[in-house]
C-alpha cells in the first residue's frame, strides 16, 4: 500500500464520526492498540522536542524501508503517534520525504488540537522526516 492509499483509508475511518468527541475516542483507541514500545528505546535521544507530553520515536531501516516505533505518556498524543506510524512506517526514505500527509487536514486533526498538541504534531512529523533524511544519506554513502 502506498502512503496516499493509507491516508485515504484513515480519512475514510474518521469520516464515519460526526462529532469530534467520537474522533478523540477513536484516537485514544488507536493509541491503545499501538504496539509495545521497547523499553531500551525509551531514552532521552528518542524524546521529541516541542511536545507538551512525552513522545518517544525510534526508527530502524530494514531492506531499504524505514520502520518507526513510538509511544507517548498522553492518550490522545499516543493516538496521533499511531496514525503517523501507520502512514509512514514501511516505506522508503524518498516516499516519506515526498509525502504531503494530507490526511491531517482532511480529518481536521490540526484544527481540533490544542496549540501545544498541534506544535507537537509538527515536531513528530519533522522528527520522522529527519530519520528518513538520515537513513537516505546513510544508504547512499
N, C-alpha and C. Protein backbone atom coordinates (compact mmCIF):
# COMPACT_ATOMS: atom_id res chain seq x y z
N UNK A 1 0.83 -1.20 0.00
CA UNK A 1 0.00 0.00 0.00
C UNK A 1 0.87 1.25 0.00
N UNK A 2 0.48 2.23 -0.81
CA UNK A 2 1.23 3.49 -0.82
C UNK A 2 0.82 4.34 0.39
N UNK A 3 1.62 5.35 0.67
CA UNK A 3 1.29 6.26 1.78
C UNK A 3 -0.05 6.94 1.48
N UNK A 4 -0.25 7.37 0.23
CA UNK A 4 -1.52 8.02 -0.14
C UNK A 4 -2.71 7.10 0.11
N UNK A 5 -2.57 5.82 -0.23
CA UNK A 5 -3.67 4.86 -0.01
C UNK A 5 -3.96 4.70 1.48
N UNK A 6 -2.91 4.66 2.28
CA UNK A 6 -3.10 4.54 3.73
C UNK A 6 -3.80 5.80 4.25
N UNK A 7 -3.39 6.96 3.74
CA UNK A 7 -4.02 8.21 4.18
C UNK A 7 -5.51 8.23 3.81
N UNK A 8 -5.84 7.75 2.60
CA UNK A 8 -7.25 7.69 2.18
C UNK A 8 -8.04 6.78 3.12
N UNK A 9 -7.42 5.69 3.53
CA UNK A 9 -8.05 4.75 4.46
C UNK A 9 -8.33 5.44 5.81
N UNK A 10 -7.36 6.19 6.30
CA UNK A 10 -7.51 6.91 7.57
C UNK A 10 -8.65 7.94 7.46
N UNK A 11 -8.68 8.68 6.35
CA UNK A 11 -9.73 9.69 6.14
C UNK A 11 -11.10 9.02 6.17
N UNK A 12 -11.19 7.87 5.50
CA UNK A 12 -12.45 7.13 5.47
C UNK A 12 -12.88 6.69 6.87
N UNK A 13 -11.93 6.19 7.65
CA UNK A 13 -12.23 5.76 9.02
C UNK A 13 -12.75 6.91 9.87
N UNK A 14 -12.15 8.08 9.73
CA UNK A 14 -12.57 9.24 10.52
C UNK A 14 -13.90 9.81 10.02
N UNK A 15 -14.22 9.58 8.76
CA UNK A 15 -15.44 10.17 8.19
C UNK A 15 -16.71 9.56 8.77
N UNK A 16 -16.62 8.40 9.40
CA UNK A 16 -17.82 7.79 10.00
C UNK A 16 -18.26 8.52 11.27
N UNK A 17 -17.36 9.35 11.82
CA UNK A 17 -17.69 10.07 13.05
C UNK A 17 -18.11 11.50 12.72
N UNK A 18 -19.26 11.92 13.27
CA UNK A 18 -19.72 13.28 13.07
C UNK A 18 -19.18 14.21 14.15
N UNK A 19 -19.10 13.71 15.35
CA UNK A 19 -18.69 14.52 16.48
C UNK A 19 -17.20 14.38 16.76
N UNK A 20 -16.58 15.48 17.19
CA UNK A 20 -15.16 15.41 17.50
C UNK A 20 -14.86 14.57 18.73
N UNK A 21 -15.79 14.49 19.63
CA UNK A 21 -15.56 13.64 20.81
C UNK A 21 -15.39 12.18 20.38
N UNK A 22 -16.17 11.77 19.37
CA UNK A 22 -16.04 10.41 18.84
C UNK A 22 -14.68 10.20 18.16
N UNK A 23 -14.22 11.24 17.48
CA UNK A 23 -12.91 11.15 16.82
C UNK A 23 -11.79 11.06 17.86
N UNK A 24 -11.94 11.81 18.96
CA UNK A 24 -10.96 11.71 20.05
C UNK A 24 -10.96 10.30 20.64
N UNK A 25 -12.16 9.76 20.84
CA UNK A 25 -12.28 8.39 21.36
C UNK A 25 -11.57 7.41 20.43
N UNK A 26 -11.75 7.60 19.13
CA UNK A 26 -11.10 6.74 18.14
C UNK A 26 -9.58 6.89 18.22
N UNK A 27 -9.10 8.13 18.37
CA UNK A 27 -7.66 8.37 18.52
C UNK A 27 -7.11 7.64 19.74
N UNK A 28 -7.87 7.69 20.83
CA UNK A 28 -7.44 7.01 22.06
C UNK A 28 -7.36 5.50 21.83
N UNK A 29 -8.36 4.95 21.10
CA UNK A 29 -8.33 3.52 20.78
C UNK A 29 -7.11 3.17 19.94
N UNK A 30 -6.80 4.01 18.96
CA UNK A 30 -5.61 3.77 18.13
C UNK A 30 -4.35 3.77 18.98
N UNK A 31 -4.29 4.70 19.92
CA UNK A 31 -3.14 4.77 20.83
C UNK A 31 -3.03 3.52 21.69
N UNK A 32 -4.17 3.04 22.16
CA UNK A 32 -4.17 1.82 22.98
C UNK A 32 -3.73 0.60 22.18
N UNK A 33 -3.98 0.63 20.86
CA UNK A 33 -3.61 -0.50 20.00
C UNK A 33 -2.16 -0.43 19.52
N UNK A 34 -1.49 0.69 19.82
CA UNK A 34 -0.11 0.87 19.37
C UNK A 34 0.76 -0.23 19.96
N UNK A 35 1.53 -0.87 19.10
CA UNK A 35 2.35 -1.99 19.54
C UNK A 35 3.36 -1.54 20.59
N UNK A 36 3.68 -2.45 21.47
CA UNK A 36 4.60 -2.16 22.58
C UNK A 36 5.89 -1.52 22.13
N UNK A 37 6.25 -0.51 22.83
CA UNK A 37 7.48 0.22 22.55
C UNK A 37 8.57 -0.38 23.43
N UNK A 38 9.65 -0.81 22.82
CA UNK A 38 10.74 -1.45 23.55
C UNK A 38 11.34 -0.46 24.55
N UNK A 39 11.42 -0.89 25.79
CA UNK A 39 11.94 -0.03 26.88
C UNK A 39 13.33 0.51 26.58
N UNK A 40 14.14 -0.24 25.84
CA UNK A 40 15.50 0.22 25.55
C UNK A 40 15.51 1.48 24.67
N UNK A 41 14.37 1.75 23.98
CA UNK A 41 14.29 2.96 23.14
C UNK A 41 13.70 4.15 23.89
N UNK A 42 13.28 3.93 25.13
CA UNK A 42 12.69 5.00 25.94
C UNK A 42 13.83 5.80 26.58
N UNK A 43 14.60 6.45 25.72
CA UNK A 43 15.77 7.20 26.16
C UNK A 43 15.65 8.66 25.71
N UNK A 44 16.44 9.49 26.34
CA UNK A 44 16.42 10.94 26.08
C UNK A 44 16.53 11.27 24.59
N UNK A 45 17.43 10.59 23.88
CA UNK A 45 17.66 10.94 22.48
C UNK A 45 16.46 10.61 21.58
N UNK A 46 15.54 9.78 22.04
CA UNK A 46 14.35 9.46 21.27
C UNK A 46 13.14 10.32 21.67
N UNK A 47 13.32 11.18 22.65
CA UNK A 47 12.24 12.10 23.05
C UNK A 47 12.13 13.20 22.00
N UNK A 48 10.90 13.56 21.65
CA UNK A 48 10.70 14.60 20.65
C UNK A 48 10.57 15.96 21.34
N UNK A 49 11.40 16.88 20.90
CA UNK A 49 11.36 18.26 21.41
C UNK A 49 10.09 18.92 20.88
N UNK A 50 9.52 19.79 21.69
CA UNK A 50 8.36 20.56 21.22
C UNK A 50 7.02 19.92 21.52
N UNK A 51 7.02 18.79 22.19
CA UNK A 51 5.78 18.15 22.58
C UNK A 51 5.53 18.43 24.06
N UNK A 52 4.30 18.78 24.38
CA UNK A 52 3.94 19.05 25.77
C UNK A 52 4.04 17.77 26.58
N UNK A 53 3.53 16.68 26.01
CA UNK A 53 3.64 15.38 26.67
C UNK A 53 4.94 14.72 26.21
N UNK A 54 5.28 13.62 26.83
CA UNK A 54 6.49 12.91 26.42
C UNK A 54 6.14 12.01 25.23
N UNK A 55 6.92 12.16 24.18
CA UNK A 55 6.74 11.34 22.98
C UNK A 55 8.11 10.78 22.61
N UNK A 56 8.16 9.46 22.51
CA UNK A 56 9.39 8.79 22.08
C UNK A 56 9.17 8.26 20.68
N UNK A 57 10.19 8.39 19.86
CA UNK A 57 10.11 7.89 18.49
C UNK A 57 11.43 7.23 18.13
N UNK A 58 11.33 6.04 17.59
CA UNK A 58 12.53 5.32 17.16
C UNK A 58 12.32 4.89 15.71
N UNK A 59 13.40 4.80 14.97
CA UNK A 59 13.30 4.37 13.57
C UNK A 59 14.45 3.41 13.27
N UNK A 60 14.13 2.40 12.48
CA UNK A 60 15.13 1.44 12.04
C UNK A 60 14.90 1.14 10.56
N UNK A 61 15.99 0.85 9.87
CA UNK A 61 15.88 0.52 8.45
C UNK A 61 15.98 -0.99 8.29
N UNK A 62 15.11 -1.49 7.45
CA UNK A 62 15.15 -2.91 7.13
C UNK A 62 14.84 -3.04 5.64
N UNK A 63 15.78 -3.54 4.88
CA UNK A 63 15.57 -3.77 3.46
C UNK A 63 15.21 -2.47 2.71
N UNK A 64 15.87 -1.37 3.09
CA UNK A 64 15.65 -0.10 2.41
C UNK A 64 14.40 0.66 2.82
N UNK A 65 13.67 0.11 3.77
CA UNK A 65 12.45 0.77 4.25
C UNK A 65 12.60 1.12 5.72
N UNK A 66 11.96 2.22 6.10
CA UNK A 66 12.05 2.68 7.48
C UNK A 66 10.84 2.18 8.27
N UNK A 67 11.12 1.68 9.45
CA UNK A 67 10.06 1.22 10.34
C UNK A 67 10.16 2.01 11.64
N UNK A 68 9.08 2.70 11.95
CA UNK A 68 9.02 3.54 13.14
C UNK A 68 8.32 2.81 14.28
N UNK A 69 8.75 3.09 15.48
CA UNK A 69 8.01 2.70 16.68
C UNK A 69 7.94 3.94 17.55
N UNK A 70 6.90 4.03 18.36
CA UNK A 70 6.76 5.21 19.18
C UNK A 70 5.84 4.97 20.36
N UNK A 71 5.84 5.94 21.25
CA UNK A 71 4.99 5.87 22.43
C UNK A 71 4.83 7.28 22.99
N UNK A 72 3.81 7.45 23.81
CA UNK A 72 3.60 8.73 24.49
C UNK A 72 2.95 8.46 25.83
N UNK A 73 3.15 9.39 26.76
CA UNK A 73 2.52 9.25 28.07
C UNK A 73 1.14 9.93 28.09
N UNK A 74 0.70 10.48 26.95
CA UNK A 74 -0.62 11.11 26.86
C UNK A 74 -1.47 10.33 25.87
N UNK A 75 -2.71 10.03 26.24
CA UNK A 75 -3.52 9.10 25.45
C UNK A 75 -3.87 9.60 24.06
N UNK A 76 -4.22 10.87 23.90
CA UNK A 76 -4.57 11.37 22.56
C UNK A 76 -3.31 11.48 21.71
N UNK A 77 -2.23 11.96 22.31
CA UNK A 77 -0.96 12.08 21.60
C UNK A 77 -0.48 10.71 21.12
N UNK A 78 -0.69 9.69 21.93
CA UNK A 78 -0.30 8.33 21.55
C UNK A 78 -1.09 7.89 20.31
N UNK A 79 -2.34 8.31 20.23
CA UNK A 79 -3.16 8.01 19.04
C UNK A 79 -2.62 8.70 17.80
N UNK A 80 -2.15 9.93 17.97
CA UNK A 80 -1.56 10.67 16.84
C UNK A 80 -0.28 9.97 16.39
N UNK A 81 0.53 9.54 17.36
CA UNK A 81 1.76 8.80 17.04
C UNK A 81 1.40 7.54 16.23
N UNK A 82 0.35 6.84 16.67
CA UNK A 82 -0.08 5.62 15.99
C UNK A 82 -0.47 5.91 14.54
N UNK A 83 -1.18 7.01 14.31
CA UNK A 83 -1.57 7.39 12.94
C UNK A 83 -0.36 7.68 12.07
N UNK A 84 0.58 8.45 12.59
CA UNK A 84 1.77 8.80 11.82
C UNK A 84 2.60 7.56 11.50
N UNK A 85 2.74 6.67 12.47
CA UNK A 85 3.49 5.43 12.24
C UNK A 85 2.79 4.60 11.16
N UNK A 86 1.47 4.50 11.28
CA UNK A 86 0.71 3.72 10.29
C UNK A 86 0.90 4.28 8.88
N UNK A 87 0.90 5.61 8.76
CA UNK A 87 1.03 6.23 7.44
C UNK A 87 2.44 6.09 6.86
N UNK A 88 3.46 6.24 7.69
CA UNK A 88 4.82 6.35 7.17
C UNK A 88 5.69 5.10 7.31
N UNK A 89 5.40 4.26 8.28
CA UNK A 89 6.26 3.10 8.52
C UNK A 89 6.19 2.11 7.36
N UNK A 90 7.34 1.51 7.05
CA UNK A 90 7.38 0.50 6.00
C UNK A 90 7.56 1.08 4.60
N UNK A 91 8.00 2.33 4.55
CA UNK A 91 8.21 2.98 3.26
C UNK A 91 9.66 3.44 3.14
N UNK A 92 10.06 3.76 1.91
CA UNK A 92 11.43 4.20 1.67
C UNK A 92 11.59 5.65 2.13
N UNK A 93 12.84 6.05 2.39
CA UNK A 93 13.07 7.45 2.78
C UNK A 93 12.48 8.45 1.78
N UNK A 94 12.65 8.18 0.48
CA UNK A 94 12.10 9.10 -0.52
C UNK A 94 10.59 9.21 -0.45
N UNK A 95 9.92 8.06 -0.28
CA UNK A 95 8.45 8.09 -0.18
C UNK A 95 8.03 8.93 1.03
N UNK A 96 8.73 8.77 2.13
CA UNK A 96 8.40 9.50 3.35
C UNK A 96 8.66 10.99 3.17
N UNK A 97 9.80 11.32 2.57
CA UNK A 97 10.17 12.74 2.40
C UNK A 97 9.30 13.45 1.37
N UNK A 98 8.72 12.69 0.43
CA UNK A 98 7.94 13.31 -0.63
C UNK A 98 6.44 13.29 -0.40
N UNK A 99 6.00 12.88 0.78
CA UNK A 99 4.56 12.83 1.03
C UNK A 99 4.08 14.12 1.69
N UNK A 100 2.83 14.44 1.44
CA UNK A 100 2.23 15.66 1.98
C UNK A 100 1.57 15.45 3.34
N UNK A 101 1.23 14.20 3.67
CA UNK A 101 0.43 13.88 4.86
C UNK A 101 -0.86 14.71 4.88
N UNK A 102 -1.60 14.61 3.75
CA UNK A 102 -2.83 15.38 3.58
C UNK A 102 -3.95 14.93 4.52
N UNK A 103 -3.85 13.73 5.07
CA UNK A 103 -4.92 13.24 5.95
C UNK A 103 -5.10 14.11 7.19
N UNK A 104 -4.02 14.75 7.64
CA UNK A 104 -4.07 15.56 8.86
C UNK A 104 -5.10 16.69 8.71
N UNK A 105 -5.06 17.38 7.57
CA UNK A 105 -6.03 18.45 7.33
C UNK A 105 -7.41 17.88 6.98
N UNK A 106 -7.42 16.81 6.20
CA UNK A 106 -8.70 16.24 5.75
C UNK A 106 -9.57 15.75 6.91
N UNK A 107 -8.95 15.20 7.95
CA UNK A 107 -9.76 14.74 9.09
C UNK A 107 -9.93 15.85 10.13
N UNK A 108 -9.32 17.00 9.90
CA UNK A 108 -9.48 18.14 10.79
C UNK A 108 -8.65 18.05 12.05
N UNK A 109 -7.60 17.24 11.98
CA UNK A 109 -6.79 16.98 13.17
C UNK A 109 -6.17 18.27 13.72
N UNK A 110 -5.48 19.00 12.85
CA UNK A 110 -4.76 20.19 13.31
C UNK A 110 -5.70 21.23 13.93
N UNK A 111 -6.83 21.45 13.30
CA UNK A 111 -7.73 22.50 13.79
C UNK A 111 -8.44 22.12 15.09
N UNK A 112 -8.48 20.82 15.41
CA UNK A 112 -9.15 20.39 16.64
C UNK A 112 -8.18 20.05 17.77
N UNK A 113 -6.91 20.28 17.53
CA UNK A 113 -5.93 20.05 18.59
C UNK A 113 -5.61 21.37 19.26
N UNK A 114 -5.24 21.29 20.51
CA UNK A 114 -4.79 22.50 21.20
C UNK A 114 -3.50 22.96 20.53
N UNK A 115 -3.17 24.26 20.65
CA UNK A 115 -1.94 24.74 20.00
C UNK A 115 -0.69 23.94 20.40
N UNK A 116 -0.61 23.53 21.67
CA UNK A 116 0.58 22.77 22.08
C UNK A 116 0.60 21.38 21.43
N UNK A 117 -0.57 20.73 21.32
CA UNK A 117 -0.62 19.43 20.65
C UNK A 117 -0.33 19.57 19.16
N UNK A 118 -0.84 20.65 18.58
CA UNK A 118 -0.60 20.91 17.17
C UNK A 118 0.89 21.11 16.89
N UNK A 119 1.56 21.85 17.77
CA UNK A 119 3.02 22.03 17.65
C UNK A 119 3.72 20.69 17.80
N UNK A 120 3.23 19.87 18.72
CA UNK A 120 3.80 18.54 18.93
C UNK A 120 3.67 17.68 17.69
N UNK A 121 2.52 17.78 17.02
CA UNK A 121 2.29 17.02 15.78
C UNK A 121 3.32 17.42 14.73
N UNK A 122 3.53 18.72 14.57
CA UNK A 122 4.54 19.22 13.63
C UNK A 122 5.92 18.70 14.01
N UNK A 123 6.24 18.69 15.29
CA UNK A 123 7.53 18.19 15.77
C UNK A 123 7.70 16.70 15.47
N UNK A 124 6.62 15.93 15.64
CA UNK A 124 6.69 14.49 15.36
C UNK A 124 6.98 14.24 13.88
N UNK A 125 6.26 14.97 13.02
CA UNK A 125 6.46 14.80 11.57
C UNK A 125 7.88 15.21 11.19
N UNK A 126 8.35 16.31 11.77
CA UNK A 126 9.70 16.78 11.49
C UNK A 126 10.74 15.71 11.89
N UNK A 127 10.54 15.09 13.05
CA UNK A 127 11.46 14.06 13.52
C UNK A 127 11.44 12.85 12.59
N UNK A 128 10.26 12.46 12.13
CA UNK A 128 10.15 11.32 11.21
C UNK A 128 10.86 11.63 9.89
N UNK A 129 10.74 12.88 9.43
CA UNK A 129 11.44 13.29 8.22
C UNK A 129 12.95 13.31 8.44
N UNK A 130 13.39 13.75 9.63
CA UNK A 130 14.82 13.76 9.92
C UNK A 130 15.41 12.35 9.89
N UNK A 131 14.67 11.40 10.47
CA UNK A 131 15.11 10.00 10.41
C UNK A 131 15.22 9.55 8.95
N UNK A 132 14.21 9.87 8.15
CA UNK A 132 14.21 9.46 6.73
C UNK A 132 15.39 10.07 5.99
N UNK A 133 15.66 11.33 6.27
CA UNK A 133 16.78 12.02 5.63
C UNK A 133 18.12 11.39 6.04
N UNK A 134 18.25 11.09 7.33
CA UNK A 134 19.48 10.49 7.83
C UNK A 134 19.70 9.10 7.20
N UNK A 135 18.64 8.31 7.13
CA UNK A 135 18.78 6.97 6.54
C UNK A 135 19.05 7.04 5.04
N UNK A 136 18.43 8.02 4.37
CA UNK A 136 18.65 8.20 2.94
C UNK A 136 20.13 8.51 2.69
N UNK A 137 20.68 9.42 3.48
CA UNK A 137 22.08 9.81 3.37
C UNK A 137 22.99 8.61 3.65
N UNK A 138 22.64 7.85 4.69
CA UNK A 138 23.43 6.68 5.06
C UNK A 138 23.42 5.60 3.97
N UNK A 139 22.26 5.43 3.34
CA UNK A 139 22.12 4.40 2.28
C UNK A 139 22.93 4.75 1.06
N UNK A 140 23.04 6.05 0.77
CA UNK A 140 23.82 6.48 -0.41
C UNK A 140 25.31 6.35 -0.17
N UNK A 141 25.70 6.54 1.11
CA UNK A 141 27.12 6.56 1.47
C UNK A 141 27.70 5.27 1.51
